[in-house]
N, C-alpha and C. Protein backbone atom coordinates (compact mmCIF):
# COMPACT_ATOMS: atom_id res chain seq x y z
N UNK A 1 21.96 76.10 42.70
CA UNK A 1 20.94 75.17 42.30
C UNK A 1 21.56 73.79 42.05
N UNK A 2 20.75 72.78 42.23
CA UNK A 2 21.18 71.41 42.02
C UNK A 2 21.10 71.06 40.54
N UNK A 3 22.10 70.37 40.03
CA UNK A 3 22.10 69.94 38.63
C UNK A 3 21.06 68.85 38.41
N UNK A 4 20.43 68.88 37.26
CA UNK A 4 19.43 67.89 36.89
C UNK A 4 20.08 66.94 35.88
N UNK A 5 19.93 65.62 36.06
CA UNK A 5 20.53 64.67 35.12
C UNK A 5 20.04 64.90 33.69
N UNK A 6 20.82 64.49 32.70
CA UNK A 6 20.43 64.69 31.30
C UNK A 6 19.22 63.85 30.92
N UNK A 7 18.61 64.21 29.82
CA UNK A 7 17.45 63.49 29.28
C UNK A 7 17.88 62.11 28.82
N UNK A 8 17.13 61.10 29.26
CA UNK A 8 17.39 59.72 28.84
C UNK A 8 16.07 59.01 28.63
N UNK A 9 15.67 58.92 27.37
CA UNK A 9 14.45 58.20 27.00
C UNK A 9 14.82 57.23 25.88
N UNK A 10 14.67 55.92 26.14
CA UNK A 10 14.99 54.95 25.08
C UNK A 10 13.86 54.82 24.07
N UNK A 11 14.23 54.55 22.86
CA UNK A 11 13.25 54.28 21.81
C UNK A 11 12.55 52.96 22.15
N UNK A 12 11.23 52.93 22.13
CA UNK A 12 10.53 51.68 22.45
C UNK A 12 10.76 50.58 21.42
N UNK A 13 11.16 50.95 20.23
CA UNK A 13 11.38 49.96 19.18
C UNK A 13 12.83 49.46 19.18
N UNK A 14 13.79 50.38 19.34
CA UNK A 14 15.21 50.02 19.20
C UNK A 14 15.95 49.93 20.54
N UNK A 15 15.38 50.48 21.57
CA UNK A 15 16.00 50.56 22.90
C UNK A 15 17.26 51.44 22.91
N UNK A 16 17.40 52.28 21.91
CA UNK A 16 18.52 53.22 21.82
C UNK A 16 18.05 54.54 22.43
N UNK A 17 18.86 55.17 23.28
CA UNK A 17 18.45 56.44 23.88
C UNK A 17 18.23 57.53 22.83
N UNK A 18 17.23 58.37 23.07
CA UNK A 18 16.94 59.49 22.17
C UNK A 18 18.11 60.46 22.14
N UNK A 19 18.32 61.05 20.98
CA UNK A 19 19.31 62.12 20.85
C UNK A 19 18.78 63.33 21.61
N UNK A 20 19.59 63.88 22.50
CA UNK A 20 19.15 64.98 23.37
C UNK A 20 18.80 66.24 22.59
N UNK A 21 19.39 66.45 21.45
CA UNK A 21 19.12 67.65 20.64
C UNK A 21 17.84 67.51 19.82
N UNK A 22 17.75 66.43 19.05
CA UNK A 22 16.63 66.27 18.12
C UNK A 22 15.44 65.54 18.73
N UNK A 23 15.66 64.83 19.84
CA UNK A 23 14.65 63.98 20.48
C UNK A 23 14.16 62.88 19.54
N UNK A 24 15.06 62.45 18.67
CA UNK A 24 14.78 61.35 17.75
C UNK A 24 15.68 60.17 18.10
N UNK A 25 15.22 58.99 17.73
CA UNK A 25 16.04 57.79 17.89
C UNK A 25 17.17 57.85 16.87
N UNK A 26 18.43 57.74 17.31
CA UNK A 26 19.53 57.77 16.36
C UNK A 26 19.54 56.57 15.41
N UNK A 27 18.87 55.50 15.80
CA UNK A 27 18.86 54.29 14.99
C UNK A 27 17.75 54.32 13.94
N UNK A 28 16.50 54.43 14.37
CA UNK A 28 15.39 54.37 13.42
C UNK A 28 14.82 55.74 13.05
N UNK A 29 15.30 56.82 13.70
CA UNK A 29 14.90 58.21 13.45
C UNK A 29 13.46 58.51 13.88
N UNK A 30 12.86 57.66 14.70
CA UNK A 30 11.51 57.90 15.21
C UNK A 30 11.53 59.13 16.11
N UNK A 31 10.50 59.96 16.00
CA UNK A 31 10.37 61.15 16.84
C UNK A 31 9.89 60.71 18.22
N UNK A 32 10.71 60.96 19.24
CA UNK A 32 10.40 60.54 20.61
C UNK A 32 9.99 61.72 21.50
N UNK A 33 9.67 62.85 20.89
CA UNK A 33 9.35 64.06 21.66
C UNK A 33 8.18 63.85 22.62
N UNK A 34 7.16 63.13 22.19
CA UNK A 34 6.00 62.89 23.07
C UNK A 34 6.40 62.07 24.28
N UNK A 35 7.26 61.08 24.08
CA UNK A 35 7.72 60.26 25.21
C UNK A 35 8.59 61.09 26.16
N UNK A 36 9.40 61.97 25.61
CA UNK A 36 10.23 62.85 26.43
C UNK A 36 9.33 63.77 27.25
N UNK A 37 8.29 64.31 26.64
CA UNK A 37 7.35 65.20 27.33
C UNK A 37 6.68 64.47 28.50
N UNK A 38 6.27 63.24 28.27
CA UNK A 38 5.64 62.46 29.33
C UNK A 38 6.62 62.17 30.47
N UNK A 39 7.82 61.75 30.11
CA UNK A 39 8.81 61.37 31.11
C UNK A 39 9.32 62.55 31.91
N UNK A 40 9.45 63.70 31.26
CA UNK A 40 10.06 64.87 31.91
C UNK A 40 9.08 66.01 32.13
N UNK A 41 7.81 65.71 32.26
CA UNK A 41 6.79 66.75 32.47
C UNK A 41 7.10 67.57 33.72
N UNK A 42 7.60 66.94 34.77
CA UNK A 42 7.94 67.67 35.99
C UNK A 42 9.03 68.69 35.75
N UNK A 43 10.03 68.34 34.99
CA UNK A 43 11.13 69.27 34.70
C UNK A 43 10.68 70.40 33.80
N UNK A 44 9.77 70.10 32.88
CA UNK A 44 9.22 71.13 32.00
C UNK A 44 8.42 72.11 32.84
N UNK A 45 7.59 71.61 33.75
CA UNK A 45 6.83 72.49 34.64
C UNK A 45 7.76 73.31 35.53
N UNK A 46 8.85 72.70 36.00
CA UNK A 46 9.83 73.42 36.81
C UNK A 46 10.42 74.59 36.02
N UNK A 47 10.80 74.34 34.78
CA UNK A 47 11.36 75.41 33.95
C UNK A 47 10.35 76.53 33.70
N UNK A 48 9.10 76.16 33.49
CA UNK A 48 8.06 77.18 33.32
C UNK A 48 7.87 77.96 34.62
N UNK A 49 7.98 77.29 35.75
CA UNK A 49 7.86 77.96 37.05
C UNK A 49 9.00 78.97 37.24
N UNK A 50 10.20 78.62 36.80
CA UNK A 50 11.32 79.56 36.88
C UNK A 50 11.00 80.85 36.12
N UNK A 51 10.40 80.71 34.95
CA UNK A 51 10.01 81.89 34.17
C UNK A 51 8.97 82.72 34.92
N UNK A 52 8.04 82.05 35.57
CA UNK A 52 7.01 82.77 36.34
C UNK A 52 7.62 83.52 37.53
N UNK A 53 8.57 82.88 38.21
CA UNK A 53 9.24 83.53 39.35
C UNK A 53 9.97 84.77 38.85
N UNK A 54 10.68 84.66 37.75
CA UNK A 54 11.40 85.81 37.20
C UNK A 54 10.46 86.94 36.81
N UNK A 55 9.23 86.59 36.43
CA UNK A 55 8.24 87.58 36.05
C UNK A 55 7.47 88.11 37.27
N UNK A 56 7.82 87.62 38.46
CA UNK A 56 7.13 88.06 39.67
C UNK A 56 5.79 87.42 39.89
N UNK A 57 5.53 86.32 39.23
CA UNK A 57 4.24 85.62 39.34
C UNK A 57 4.38 84.39 40.23
N UNK A 58 4.61 84.63 41.52
CA UNK A 58 4.87 83.54 42.46
C UNK A 58 3.70 82.58 42.61
N UNK A 59 2.48 83.08 42.59
CA UNK A 59 1.31 82.20 42.77
C UNK A 59 1.23 81.20 41.61
N UNK A 60 1.43 81.67 40.39
CA UNK A 60 1.41 80.79 39.22
C UNK A 60 2.59 79.82 39.28
N UNK A 61 3.74 80.30 39.73
CA UNK A 61 4.91 79.44 39.86
C UNK A 61 4.65 78.33 40.86
N UNK A 62 3.99 78.66 41.95
CA UNK A 62 3.72 77.64 42.97
C UNK A 62 2.87 76.51 42.41
N UNK A 63 1.87 76.83 41.61
CA UNK A 63 1.02 75.80 41.01
C UNK A 63 1.86 74.89 40.12
N UNK A 64 2.71 75.47 39.29
CA UNK A 64 3.57 74.68 38.41
C UNK A 64 4.55 73.83 39.21
N UNK A 65 5.09 74.39 40.28
CA UNK A 65 6.04 73.64 41.11
C UNK A 65 5.37 72.48 41.84
N UNK A 66 4.16 72.70 42.31
CA UNK A 66 3.43 71.61 42.96
C UNK A 66 3.18 70.48 41.97
N UNK A 67 2.84 70.85 40.75
CA UNK A 67 2.62 69.84 39.71
C UNK A 67 3.93 69.13 39.36
N UNK A 68 5.02 69.88 39.30
CA UNK A 68 6.33 69.29 38.99
C UNK A 68 6.73 68.27 40.05
N UNK A 69 6.52 68.62 41.31
CA UNK A 69 6.88 67.71 42.41
C UNK A 69 5.96 66.49 42.42
N UNK A 70 4.71 66.66 42.06
CA UNK A 70 3.80 65.52 41.99
C UNK A 70 4.23 64.55 40.88
N UNK A 71 4.74 65.09 39.78
CA UNK A 71 5.15 64.26 38.66
C UNK A 71 6.51 63.62 38.88
N UNK A 72 7.39 64.32 39.58
CA UNK A 72 8.74 63.81 39.82
C UNK A 72 9.14 64.17 41.26
N UNK A 73 8.71 63.36 42.23
CA UNK A 73 8.89 63.69 43.65
C UNK A 73 10.33 63.95 44.09
N UNK A 74 11.30 63.39 43.42
CA UNK A 74 12.69 63.59 43.82
C UNK A 74 13.38 64.75 43.12
N UNK A 75 12.63 65.60 42.45
CA UNK A 75 13.22 66.72 41.70
C UNK A 75 13.61 67.83 42.67
N UNK A 76 14.81 67.73 43.20
CA UNK A 76 15.30 68.61 44.26
C UNK A 76 15.20 70.10 43.92
N UNK A 77 15.56 70.55 42.72
CA UNK A 77 15.44 71.98 42.43
C UNK A 77 14.00 72.48 42.55
N UNK A 78 13.04 71.66 42.13
CA UNK A 78 11.63 72.05 42.23
C UNK A 78 11.19 72.09 43.68
N UNK A 79 11.63 71.12 44.48
CA UNK A 79 11.29 71.12 45.91
C UNK A 79 11.84 72.36 46.61
N UNK A 80 13.09 72.70 46.30
CA UNK A 80 13.72 73.86 46.93
C UNK A 80 13.02 75.15 46.54
N UNK A 81 12.72 75.30 45.25
CA UNK A 81 12.06 76.52 44.79
C UNK A 81 10.63 76.59 45.32
N UNK A 82 9.96 75.46 45.41
CA UNK A 82 8.61 75.44 45.97
C UNK A 82 8.62 75.94 47.41
N UNK A 83 9.61 75.54 48.18
CA UNK A 83 9.72 76.01 49.56
C UNK A 83 9.91 77.52 49.61
N UNK A 84 10.77 78.04 48.73
CA UNK A 84 11.01 79.49 48.69
C UNK A 84 9.76 80.26 48.30
N UNK A 85 9.10 79.80 47.24
CA UNK A 85 7.89 80.48 46.75
C UNK A 85 6.77 80.41 47.77
N UNK A 86 6.60 79.26 48.40
CA UNK A 86 5.55 79.11 49.41
C UNK A 86 5.83 80.04 50.60
N UNK A 87 7.08 80.19 50.96
CA UNK A 87 7.42 81.10 52.06
C UNK A 87 7.06 82.54 51.72
N UNK A 88 7.23 82.91 50.46
CA UNK A 88 6.88 84.28 50.04
C UNK A 88 5.39 84.48 49.90
N UNK A 89 4.70 83.49 49.33
CA UNK A 89 3.28 83.62 49.02
C UNK A 89 2.41 83.21 50.19
N UNK A 90 2.88 82.24 50.96
CA UNK A 90 2.08 81.68 52.04
C UNK A 90 1.33 80.47 51.54
N UNK A 91 0.59 79.84 52.43
CA UNK A 91 -0.16 78.65 52.04
C UNK A 91 -1.54 79.05 51.54
N UNK A 92 -2.07 78.32 50.57
CA UNK A 92 -3.38 78.66 50.05
C UNK A 92 -4.48 78.39 51.07
N UNK A 93 -5.51 79.21 51.03
CA UNK A 93 -6.66 79.01 51.94
C UNK A 93 -7.49 77.84 51.44
N UNK A 94 -8.09 77.13 52.37
CA UNK A 94 -8.99 76.07 51.97
C UNK A 94 -8.53 74.81 52.41
């Protein structure tokens, strides 16, 4: 699998990157979790899709992967897994 770059979301007030563990600004201690969720929604959907694949739920995984790729088009691991899942499940009718 391809490595995904680390989380990097700057605080809108301080311009200091969020702490990767706490998702808080190290300077002003503002909670930046909502901004991280917005910025990395594609990666979050990709991780949820991995869980679905492991559970044998390829159709549900494909929906999450399509959403992940729509949110972050260059997310190579999601693109690769989407191709694998689509090959197993086939293309949706309609």
